[in-house]
Amino acid sequence: MPLTLPLSTDDLARTRLAVSPLSETVSGLQALAGCWGRARHARWTRWAAAELAARPLDLSWTWPLLVTGRTSWPQFLLPAPARAASTIDEALAALRRTTPSQVRRSLRGVFGADLPAPARALAADPAAGLRAVAAELRQAHDRLIAPHWARLRAVLDADIAYRARQWADGGAGHLFTGLHAGLNWHHGRLTLDGDRRPSPGRPAGGLVLSPVVLGPPWVMIKLHTTTQTTIRYPARGSGALWTAAERRPAEPAVRLLGRRRAELLETLRSPATTTGLAEALRVSPSAVSQHLRVLRDSGLVAGQRSGREVLYRTTEPGLRLLSGQDAPDPEPPSLGRAQM
């Protein structure tokens, strides 16, 4: 039987969506170790490897816990986000609050009775060990995630907005089955294909649904151990984040829009803000705004507000144009080429 989570009406009422910079940090380190395959996130992992080769990080506590060669790792390393957009400091504070008994129980669950040396040291003095782990994860975040956080956050926020619309349009069933092909919702039960862990019963406090960019292409369910049960799933647009700006737009799009606007349309396969686009393309925000206005008025790009910023993404007509199909109808207005 696949892993099954029975959900009551109260559980559904408490289910929420959240993003976590600590989740990207943990997943990024595992991606760097090749846990998701060498080809996945290759551009980011090459950059991160070069960054660490030039100036290494001390991950002597954390790396042996995250990169175990096993199918699991200590779940207290990634507490559920306490709110929709927790900060790295909030997440690490929650990690440090893990009780000694929770630490030891989780370590035994992963490694068995014969703990490797780093896990043994953590079990011997959980408070000191957790402080050391938190300090290493903070450095990893600052060095490897923070430089890309604006782009990562844009993808995560766009995914959250999309899932919220799914929930509003079709209820919990539409939301859960849309997260991943391996998730199934039937008669109040959520199941995950390929996961054979025994059912833990109802998730205390409901579920936290958290998109991940630097994770694997499958769903990961962190069961209730120290915090809420968390379903981490691939964020929409993750695959295009590192490659969209490198693709050459189709010639029909270039002829119709001009190369700069076509490149902008190609880049927006993965959602981004005006500021993020300006940084990625090394142009001024005002030039980006001018081109975005034309593309939006033409129906090739759509924007959605997320907090204080607007996330832009290529629409279906824009994707058809990039694929080399016919230009959209009606003809896009005002396509004079501004300088970028």
Protein backbone atom coordinates (compact mmCIF):
# COMPACT_ATOMS: atom_id res chain seq x y z
CA MET A 1 0.00 0.00 0.00
CA PRO A 2 1.29 3.51 -0.77
CA LEU A 3 1.71 6.05 2.00
CA THR A 4 -1.79 7.24 2.93
CA LEU A 5 -2.79 10.38 4.82
CA PRO A 6 -6.44 10.51 5.93
CA LEU A 7 -7.61 14.12 6.08
CA SER A 8 -10.65 15.37 7.96
CA THR A 9 -12.49 18.60 7.28
CA ASP A 10 -10.54 20.17 10.14
CA ASP A 11 -7.24 18.98 8.64
CA LEU A 12 -8.16 20.56 5.30
CA ALA A 13 -9.15 23.79 7.04
CA ARG A 14 -5.65 23.97 8.58
CA THR A 15 -3.78 23.06 5.39
CA ARG A 16 -1.72 25.95 4.05
CA LEU A 17 0.85 26.91 1.41
CA ALA A 18 4.30 28.20 2.35
CA VAL A 19 7.78 28.83 0.96
CA SER A 20 11.04 28.32 2.84
CA PRO A 21 14.58 29.57 2.16
CA LEU A 22 15.86 26.79 4.44
CA SER A 23 14.14 24.23 2.22
CA GLU A 24 16.05 25.59 -0.79
CA THR A 25 19.29 25.52 1.23
CA VAL A 26 18.84 21.89 2.27
CA SER A 27 17.75 20.82 -1.22
CA GLY A 28 20.57 22.81 -2.79
CA LEU A 29 23.21 21.00 -0.72
CA GLN A 30 21.67 17.66 -1.66
CA ALA A 31 21.58 18.71 -5.33
CA LEU A 32 25.25 19.66 -5.05
CA ALA A 33 25.96 16.14 -3.77
CA GLY A 34 24.20 14.65 -6.81
CA CYS A 35 21.24 13.29 -4.83
CA TRP A 36 18.83 14.30 -7.63
CA GLY A 37 21.12 13.26 -10.50
CA ARG A 38 23.97 15.22 -12.02
CA ALA A 39 21.91 16.80 -14.79
CA ARG A 40 19.26 18.35 -12.55
CA HIS A 41 19.97 22.00 -11.71
CA ALA A 42 23.31 21.56 -13.50
CA ARG A 43 23.88 25.27 -14.08
CA TRP A 44 23.35 26.13 -10.41
CA THR A 45 25.42 23.18 -9.17
CA ARG A 46 28.32 24.15 -11.44
CA TRP A 47 28.19 27.69 -10.08
CA ALA A 48 27.93 26.47 -6.47
CA ALA A 49 30.79 23.99 -6.91
CA ALA A 50 33.02 26.73 -8.31
CA GLU A 51 32.02 29.04 -5.46
CA LEU A 52 32.95 26.42 -2.86
CA ALA A 53 36.16 25.47 -4.66
CA ALA A 54 37.29 29.09 -4.42
CA ARG A 55 36.19 29.48 -0.80
CA PRO A 56 35.15 26.24 0.95
CA LEU A 57 32.41 25.99 3.55
CA ASP A 58 32.76 24.02 6.76
CA LEU A 59 29.79 21.64 6.68
CA SER A 60 31.30 18.99 8.94
CA TRP A 61 28.15 18.71 11.07
CA THR A 62 25.51 19.13 8.38
CA TRP A 63 26.79 17.30 5.29
CA PRO A 64 26.90 13.78 6.87
CA LEU A 65 23.32 14.27 8.08
CA LEU A 66 21.92 15.43 4.73
CA VAL A 67 23.96 13.25 2.36
CA THR A 68 23.52 9.85 3.96
CA GLY A 69 23.46 7.42 1.05
CA ARG A 70 20.10 6.29 2.45
CA THR A 71 16.53 6.99 1.46
CA SER A 72 15.98 9.34 4.40
CA TRP A 73 17.71 11.99 6.51
CA PRO A 74 16.88 13.57 9.90
CA GLN A 75 13.67 15.49 9.41
CA PHE A 76 14.31 17.97 12.21
CA LEU A 77 16.80 19.66 9.87
CA LEU A 78 13.85 21.12 7.97
CA PRO A 79 11.03 22.31 10.25
CA ALA A 80 7.76 23.24 8.57
CA PRO A 81 7.56 26.96 7.68
CA ALA A 82 5.67 28.73 10.44
CA ARG A 83 4.00 31.13 8.01
CA ALA A 84 3.53 31.70 4.29
CA ALA A 85 6.99 33.19 3.83
CA SER A 86 9.28 32.45 6.77
CA THR A 87 12.76 33.94 6.86
CA ILE A 88 15.94 31.92 7.14
CA ASP A 89 16.38 33.17 10.71
CA GLU A 90 12.89 32.02 11.70
CA ALA A 91 13.49 28.59 10.18
CA LEU A 92 16.85 28.14 11.92
CA ALA A 93 15.36 29.25 15.24
CA ALA A 94 12.73 26.52 14.85
CA LEU A 95 15.48 24.00 14.09
CA ARG A 96 17.35 24.97 17.28
CA ARG A 97 14.15 24.44 19.30
CA THR A 98 14.11 20.71 18.48
CA THR A 99 14.12 18.84 21.79
CA PRO A 100 16.91 16.37 22.69
CA SER A 101 14.48 13.44 22.62
CA GLN A 102 13.26 14.42 19.14
CA VAL A 103 16.84 14.71 17.89
CA ARG A 104 17.83 11.28 19.22
CA ARG A 105 14.65 9.59 18.00
CA SER A 106 15.09 11.01 14.49
CA LEU A 107 18.77 10.02 14.33
CA ARG A 108 17.95 6.44 15.36
CA GLY A 109 15.16 6.35 12.78
CA VAL A 110 17.62 7.20 9.99
CA PHE A 111 20.86 5.53 11.08
CA GLY A 112 19.73 2.81 13.48
CA ALA A 113 21.49 2.04 16.75
CA ASP A 114 25.02 2.35 15.30
CA LEU A 115 25.24 6.10 14.71
CA PRO A 116 28.04 7.53 12.54
CA ALA A 117 30.41 9.94 14.29
CA PRO A 118 28.66 13.26 13.45
CA ALA A 119 25.26 11.86 14.46
CA ARG A 120 26.81 10.43 17.65
CA ALA A 121 28.19 13.85 18.58
CA LEU A 122 24.79 15.45 17.93
CA ALA A 123 23.01 12.85 20.05
CA ALA A 124 25.50 13.35 22.89
CA ASP A 125 24.88 17.12 23.08
CA PRO A 126 21.82 18.06 20.97
CA ALA A 127 21.73 21.73 22.00
CA ALA A 128 25.34 22.42 21.04
CA GLY A 129 25.06 20.26 17.92
CA LEU A 130 21.94 22.04 16.71
CA ARG A 131 23.63 25.41 17.16
CA ALA A 132 26.54 24.19 15.05
CA VAL A 133 24.24 22.78 12.36
CA ALA A 134 22.20 26.01 12.28
CA ALA A 135 25.36 28.09 11.91
CA GLU A 136 26.56 25.92 8.98
CA LEU A 137 23.17 26.09 7.26
CA ARG A 138 23.11 29.86 7.68
CA GLN A 139 26.49 30.15 5.97
CA ALA A 140 25.36 27.79 3.20
CA HIS A 141 22.25 29.92 2.67
CA ASP A 142 24.20 33.19 2.58
CA ARG A 143 26.78 31.86 0.13
CA LEU A 144 24.73 29.61 -2.16
CA ILE A 145 21.05 30.64 -1.96
CA ALA A 146 20.93 34.34 -1.10
CA PRO A 147 22.63 35.46 -4.37
CA HIS A 148 19.81 33.75 -6.32
CA TRP A 149 16.97 34.22 -3.85
CA ALA A 150 15.13 36.91 -5.83
CA ARG A 151 14.82 34.57 -8.84
CA LEU A 152 14.02 31.55 -6.68
CA ARG A 153 11.42 33.49 -4.72
CA ALA A 154 9.74 34.67 -7.92
CA VAL A 155 9.24 31.06 -9.04
CA LEU A 156 8.02 30.01 -5.58
CA ASP A 157 5.58 32.91 -5.27
CA ALA A 158 4.21 32.25 -8.75
CA ASP A 159 3.65 28.61 -7.83
CA ILE A 160 1.84 29.56 -4.61
CA ALA A 161 -0.44 31.93 -6.54
CA TYR A 162 -1.20 29.20 -9.10
CA ARG A 163 -1.99 26.61 -6.40
CA ALA A 164 -4.26 29.06 -4.59
CA ARG A 165 -6.23 29.49 -7.83
CA GLN A 166 -6.46 25.71 -8.20
CA TRP A 167 -7.81 25.45 -4.69
CA ALA A 168 -10.36 28.18 -5.33
CA ASP A 169 -11.44 26.71 -8.68
CA GLY A 170 -11.69 23.02 -7.80
CA GLY A 171 -11.24 22.47 -4.08
CA ALA A 172 -8.76 20.24 -2.27
CA GLY A 173 -8.97 17.39 -4.78
CA HIS A 174 -8.01 19.67 -7.66
CA LEU A 175 -5.18 21.16 -5.62
CA PHE A 176 -3.65 17.87 -4.45
CA THR A 177 -3.80 16.02 -7.75
CA GLY A 178 -2.34 19.05 -9.51
CA LEU A 179 0.78 19.04 -7.32
CA HIS A 180 2.26 15.93 -8.90
CA ALA A 181 1.21 12.88 -10.91
CA GLY A 182 2.17 10.60 -8.00
CA LEU A 183 -0.29 12.20 -5.58
CA ASN A 184 -3.86 10.91 -5.56
CA TRP A 185 -6.92 12.16 -3.68
CA HIS A 186 -9.91 9.87 -3.13
CA HIS A 187 -12.62 9.81 -0.46
CA GLY A 188 -10.72 11.96 2.01
CA ARG A 189 -7.41 10.13 1.64
CA LEU A 190 -4.22 11.45 0.09
CA THR A 191 -1.83 8.78 -1.23
CA LEU A 192 1.68 9.00 -2.67
CA ASP A 193 2.67 6.35 -5.21
CA GLY A 194 6.06 4.73 -4.60
CA ASP A 195 6.19 5.64 -0.90
CA ARG A 196 5.68 2.48 1.15
CA ARG A 197 5.93 3.93 4.64
CA PRO A 198 3.04 2.89 6.89
CA SER A 199 0.27 5.42 7.32
CA PRO A 200 0.92 7.67 10.34
CA GLY A 201 -2.76 8.58 10.63
CA ARG A 202 -4.11 12.10 10.45
CA PRO A 203 -1.49 14.85 10.19
CA ALA A 204 -1.49 16.90 13.38
CA GLY A 205 -2.37 20.51 12.62
CA GLY A 206 -3.08 19.90 8.93
CA LEU A 207 -0.61 19.89 6.05
CA VAL A 208 1.96 22.42 4.87
CA LEU A 209 2.34 22.42 1.07
CA SER A 210 5.72 23.84 0.12
CA PRO A 211 7.09 24.23 -3.44
CA VAL A 212 10.81 23.63 -3.99
CA VAL A 213 13.00 24.79 -6.89
CA LEU A 214 16.29 23.03 -6.13
CA GLY A 215 14.72 19.73 -5.14
CA PRO A 216 14.06 16.51 -7.07
CA PRO A 217 11.35 16.04 -9.72
CA TRP A 218 9.25 14.01 -7.28
CA VAL A 219 7.18 14.73 -4.16
CA MET A 220 8.73 14.46 -0.70
CA ILE A 221 6.51 14.08 2.36
CA LYS A 222 8.05 14.94 5.71
CA LEU A 223 5.81 13.27 8.25
CA HIS A 224 4.92 14.87 11.57
CA THR A 225 7.97 14.39 13.78
CA THR A 226 9.02 17.73 15.26
CA THR A 227 6.68 20.04 13.31
CA GLN A 228 3.76 19.71 10.90
CA THR A 229 3.58 17.16 8.11
CA THR A 230 5.00 18.89 5.04
CA ILE A 231 4.53 18.02 1.37
CA ARG A 232 7.44 19.42 -0.65
CA TYR A 233 6.84 19.31 -4.39
CA PRO A 234 8.57 20.64 -7.56
CA ALA A 235 7.64 24.27 -8.16
CA ARG A 236 6.22 25.15 -11.57
CA GLY A 237 8.88 26.77 -13.71
CA SER A 238 11.80 25.14 -11.86
CA GLY A 239 13.13 23.45 -14.96
CA ALA A 240 13.25 26.68 -16.96
CA LEU A 241 14.77 28.86 -14.24
CA TRP A 242 18.42 28.28 -15.13
CA THR A 243 18.01 27.70 -18.86
CA ALA A 244 15.30 30.07 -20.15
CA ALA A 245 17.66 33.01 -20.57
CA GLU A 246 20.10 30.81 -22.53
CA ARG A 247 17.59 29.57 -25.12
CA ARG A 248 17.47 31.17 -28.53
CA PRO A 249 13.96 32.40 -29.33
CA ALA A 250 12.38 31.15 -32.52
CA GLU A 251 12.91 33.33 -35.61
CA PRO A 252 9.20 34.12 -36.06
CA ALA A 253 9.22 35.64 -32.58
CA VAL A 254 12.39 37.61 -33.36
CA ARG A 255 10.98 38.94 -36.63
CA LEU A 256 7.73 40.01 -34.99
CA LEU A 257 9.03 41.40 -31.70
CA GLY A 258 12.69 42.18 -32.21
CA ARG A 259 15.45 40.15 -30.60
CA ARG A 260 15.39 41.85 -27.21
CA ARG A 261 11.67 41.40 -26.67
CA ALA A 262 11.82 37.84 -27.95
CA GLU A 263 14.64 37.11 -25.50
CA LEU A 264 12.59 38.66 -22.71
CA LEU A 265 9.65 36.46 -23.65
CA GLU A 266 11.92 33.41 -23.62
CA THR A 267 13.31 34.33 -20.20
CA LEU A 268 9.78 34.61 -18.81
CA ARG A 269 9.14 30.91 -19.28
CA SER A 270 10.16 31.07 -15.64
CA PRO A 271 8.34 33.83 -13.67
CA ALA A 272 10.30 36.92 -12.68
CA THR A 273 9.89 40.47 -11.44
CA THR A 274 10.99 43.58 -13.31
CA THR A 275 14.00 43.91 -11.02
CA GLY A 276 14.91 40.26 -11.45
CA LEU A 277 14.69 40.54 -15.22
CA ALA A 278 16.85 43.66 -15.24
CA GLU A 279 19.51 41.86 -13.19
CA ALA A 280 19.36 38.69 -15.28
CA LEU A 281 19.54 40.54 -18.61
CA ARG A 282 21.90 43.29 -17.34
CA VAL A 283 19.68 46.15 -18.50
CA SER A 284 17.86 48.97 -16.74
CA PRO A 285 14.50 48.31 -15.00
CA SER A 286 12.92 51.14 -17.04
CA ALA A 287 13.85 49.43 -20.32
CA VAL A 288 12.43 46.14 -19.05
CA SER A 289 9.22 47.89 -17.97
CA GLN A 290 8.77 49.44 -21.40
CA HIS A 291 9.10 46.10 -23.17
CA LEU A 292 6.91 44.33 -20.61
CA ARG A 293 4.16 46.86 -21.21
CA VAL A 294 4.11 46.06 -24.92
CA LEU A 295 4.25 42.29 -24.36
CA ARG A 296 1.50 42.47 -21.75
CA ASP A 297 -0.75 44.61 -23.95
CA SER A 298 -0.20 42.06 -26.73
CA GLY A 299 -1.34 39.17 -24.55
CA LEU A 300 2.08 37.50 -24.68
CA VAL A 301 2.95 38.12 -21.03
CA ALA A 302 0.73 38.22 -17.93
CA GLY A 303 1.49 39.80 -14.58
CA GLN A 304 0.20 38.89 -11.14
CA ARG A 305 0.80 40.82 -7.95
CA SER A 306 2.67 39.02 -5.17
CA GLY A 307 3.00 41.23 -2.11
CA ARG A 308 4.64 44.47 -3.20
CA GLU A 309 5.90 43.14 -6.53
CA VAL A 310 4.39 41.88 -9.78
CA LEU A 311 5.43 38.53 -11.19
CA TYR A 312 5.45 38.25 -14.98
CA ARG A 313 5.26 35.06 -17.00
CA THR A 314 4.89 34.12 -20.66
CA THR A 315 1.29 33.22 -21.54
CA GLU A 316 0.14 30.34 -23.72
CA PRO A 317 0.01 32.55 -26.86
CA GLY A 318 3.55 33.66 -26.04
CA LEU A 319 4.72 30.07 -25.68
CA ARG A 320 3.14 29.19 -29.02
CA LEU A 321 4.97 32.07 -30.65
CA LEU A 322 8.28 30.96 -29.07
CA SER A 323 7.73 27.45 -30.37
CA GLY A 324 7.71 28.81 -33.91
CA GLN A 325 3.98 28.65 -34.52
CA ASP A 326 2.01 31.43 -36.15
CA ALA A 327 1.91 34.87 -34.57
CA PRO A 328 -1.00 35.36 -32.15
CA ASP A 329 -4.23 36.99 -33.23
CA PRO A 330 -4.85 39.88 -32.88
CA GLU A 331 -1.63 41.43 -34.13
CA PRO A 332 0.38 42.84 -31.20
CA PRO A 333 0.18 46.67 -31.18
CA SER A 334 3.03 49.19 -30.91
CA LEU A 335 5.98 46.92 -31.55
CA GLY A 336 8.50 49.68 -32.11
CA ARG A 337 11.86 48.58 -30.76
CA ALA A 338 13.02 50.37 -27.63
CA GLN A 339 16.67 50.13 -26.68
CA MET A 340 17.76 47.69 -23.96
